[in-house]
Amino acid sequence: MDYALAFTVVGFTGVFAEKMKQAVRQNKAKQYLTYIVLGVLLGCRLRFIAHYIA
């Protein structure tokens, strides 16, 4: 269960996907890079929490 849950929550990084796509279409580099960083941080944090709980 440890790895199954931990790697499943990494999928929550997609929460920022639509906003990132809009920023790319509008050619706002700083904004889409911010969404990428937020997604990575969210995924890493949730994965750590899942490992910790398991």
N, C-alpha and C. Protein backbone atom coordinates (compact mmCIF):
# COMPACT_ATOMS: atom_id res chain seq x y z
N MET A 1 0.82 -1.20 0.00
CA MET A 1 0.00 0.00 0.00
C MET A 1 0.87 1.26 0.00
N ASP A 2 2.03 1.14 0.56
CA ASP A 2 2.91 2.30 0.68
C ASP A 2 3.17 2.95 -0.68
N TYR A 3 3.65 2.18 -1.62
CA TYR A 3 4.00 2.75 -2.92
C TYR A 3 2.78 3.05 -3.78
N ALA A 4 1.78 2.22 -3.68
CA ALA A 4 0.57 2.45 -4.49
C ALA A 4 -0.08 3.78 -4.15
N LEU A 5 -0.22 4.08 -2.90
CA LEU A 5 -0.83 5.35 -2.49
C LEU A 5 0.10 6.52 -2.77
N ALA A 6 1.36 6.35 -2.45
CA ALA A 6 2.31 7.45 -2.60
C ALA A 6 2.45 7.90 -4.05
N PHE A 7 2.48 6.95 -4.97
CA PHE A 7 2.64 7.34 -6.36
C PHE A 7 1.32 7.72 -7.02
N THR A 8 0.21 7.34 -6.40
CA THR A 8 -1.09 7.76 -6.91
C THR A 8 -1.34 9.23 -6.63
N VAL A 9 -0.95 9.71 -5.45
CA VAL A 9 -1.20 11.11 -5.11
C VAL A 9 -0.34 12.07 -5.93
N VAL A 10 0.71 11.57 -6.56
CA VAL A 10 1.52 12.42 -7.44
C VAL A 10 0.67 12.94 -8.60
N GLY A 11 -0.38 12.23 -8.94
CA GLY A 11 -1.28 12.65 -10.01
C GLY A 11 -2.00 13.95 -9.72
N PHE A 12 -2.03 14.37 -8.47
CA PHE A 12 -2.67 15.64 -8.12
C PHE A 12 -1.92 16.84 -8.67
N THR A 13 -0.74 16.62 -9.23
CA THR A 13 -0.02 17.74 -9.85
C THR A 13 -0.79 18.28 -11.06
N GLY A 14 -1.66 17.45 -11.60
CA GLY A 14 -2.48 17.86 -12.75
C GLY A 14 -3.52 18.90 -12.42
N VAL A 15 -3.68 19.24 -11.15
CA VAL A 15 -4.63 20.27 -10.74
C VAL A 15 -4.30 21.60 -11.43
N PHE A 16 -3.04 21.84 -11.68
CA PHE A 16 -2.60 23.09 -12.28
C PHE A 16 -2.47 23.02 -13.80
N ALA A 17 -2.83 21.90 -14.40
CA ALA A 17 -2.59 21.70 -15.83
C ALA A 17 -3.34 22.70 -16.71
N GLU A 18 -4.61 22.92 -16.44
CA GLU A 18 -5.40 23.83 -17.29
C GLU A 18 -4.90 25.26 -17.19
N LYS A 19 -4.58 25.70 -15.98
CA LYS A 19 -4.05 27.06 -15.81
C LYS A 19 -2.70 27.21 -16.49
N MET A 20 -1.89 26.17 -16.44
CA MET A 20 -0.60 26.21 -17.10
C MET A 20 -0.76 26.29 -18.61
N LYS A 21 -1.70 25.52 -19.16
CA LYS A 21 -1.94 25.56 -20.61
C LYS A 21 -2.39 26.95 -21.05
N GLN A 22 -3.23 27.59 -20.27
CA GLN A 22 -3.68 28.94 -20.60
C GLN A 22 -2.52 29.92 -20.58
N ALA A 23 -1.65 29.79 -19.59
CA ALA A 23 -0.50 30.68 -19.50
C ALA A 23 0.45 30.46 -20.68
N VAL A 24 0.60 29.23 -21.13
CA VAL A 24 1.46 28.95 -22.28
C VAL A 24 0.87 29.57 -23.54
N ARG A 25 -0.45 29.44 -23.70
CA ARG A 25 -1.11 30.04 -24.88
C ARG A 25 -0.96 31.56 -24.89
N GLN A 26 -0.97 32.17 -23.71
CA GLN A 26 -0.85 33.62 -23.61
C GLN A 26 0.61 34.07 -23.56
N ASN A 27 1.53 33.11 -23.66
CA ASN A 27 2.96 33.38 -23.67
C ASN A 27 3.43 34.10 -22.40
N LYS A 28 2.94 33.65 -21.26
CA LYS A 28 3.34 34.21 -19.96
C LYS A 28 4.26 33.20 -19.28
N ALA A 29 5.55 33.33 -19.55
CA ALA A 29 6.54 32.36 -19.09
C ALA A 29 6.60 32.28 -17.57
N LYS A 30 6.62 33.42 -16.91
CA LYS A 30 6.74 33.42 -15.45
C LYS A 30 5.53 32.73 -14.81
N GLN A 31 4.36 32.95 -15.36
CA GLN A 31 3.15 32.38 -14.79
C GLN A 31 3.11 30.86 -14.96
N TYR A 32 3.44 30.35 -16.16
CA TYR A 32 3.38 28.90 -16.32
C TYR A 32 4.50 28.19 -15.58
N LEU A 33 5.64 28.83 -15.43
CA LEU A 33 6.70 28.23 -14.61
C LEU A 33 6.28 28.17 -13.15
N THR A 34 5.54 29.17 -12.69
CA THR A 34 5.03 29.16 -11.32
C THR A 34 4.07 28.00 -11.12
N TYR A 35 3.20 27.75 -12.09
CA TYR A 35 2.27 26.62 -11.98
C TYR A 35 3.00 25.28 -12.01
N ILE A 36 4.06 25.19 -12.77
CA ILE A 36 4.86 23.95 -12.80
C ILE A 36 5.48 23.72 -11.43
N VAL A 37 6.07 24.75 -10.86
CA VAL A 37 6.70 24.62 -9.55
C VAL A 37 5.67 24.27 -8.48
N LEU A 38 4.51 24.91 -8.52
CA LEU A 38 3.46 24.60 -7.55
C LEU A 38 2.99 23.15 -7.68
N GLY A 39 2.85 22.68 -8.90
CA GLY A 39 2.45 21.30 -9.13
C GLY A 39 3.47 20.31 -8.59
N VAL A 40 4.73 20.59 -8.85
CA VAL A 40 5.79 19.71 -8.36
C VAL A 40 5.83 19.70 -6.84
N LEU A 41 5.72 20.87 -6.23
CA LEU A 41 5.73 20.94 -4.77
C LEU A 41 4.53 20.22 -4.16
N LEU A 42 3.36 20.38 -4.77
CA LEU A 42 2.17 19.70 -4.28
C LEU A 42 2.33 18.18 -4.37
N GLY A 43 2.79 17.71 -5.50
CA GLY A 43 2.99 16.27 -5.68
C GLY A 43 4.01 15.70 -4.72
N CYS A 44 5.11 16.40 -4.54
CA CYS A 44 6.15 15.92 -3.61
C CYS A 44 5.65 15.92 -2.18
N ARG A 45 4.94 16.96 -1.81
CA ARG A 45 4.43 17.05 -0.44
C ARG A 45 3.42 15.93 -0.16
N LEU A 46 2.49 15.71 -1.08
CA LEU A 46 1.50 14.66 -0.89
C LEU A 46 2.14 13.28 -0.87
N ARG A 47 3.14 13.09 -1.71
CA ARG A 47 3.84 11.80 -1.73
C ARG A 47 4.56 11.56 -0.41
N PHE A 48 5.21 12.57 0.12
CA PHE A 48 5.89 12.45 1.39
C PHE A 48 4.90 12.11 2.51
N ILE A 49 3.76 12.80 2.52
CA ILE A 49 2.75 12.55 3.55
C ILE A 49 2.24 11.11 3.45
N ALA A 50 2.02 10.63 2.24
CA ALA A 50 1.55 9.25 2.05
C ALA A 50 2.59 8.24 2.55
N HIS A 51 3.86 8.49 2.24
CA HIS A 51 4.92 7.59 2.74
C HIS A 51 4.99 7.64 4.26
N TYR A 52 4.87 8.82 4.80
CA TYR A 52 4.97 8.99 6.25
C TYR A 52 3.84 8.26 6.98
N ILE A 53 2.63 8.41 6.48
CA ILE A 53 1.48 7.77 7.10
C ILE A 53 1.57 6.24 6.99
N ALA A 54 2.01 5.78 5.82
CA ALA A 54 2.11 4.33 5.62
C ALA A 54 3.22 3.75 6.47
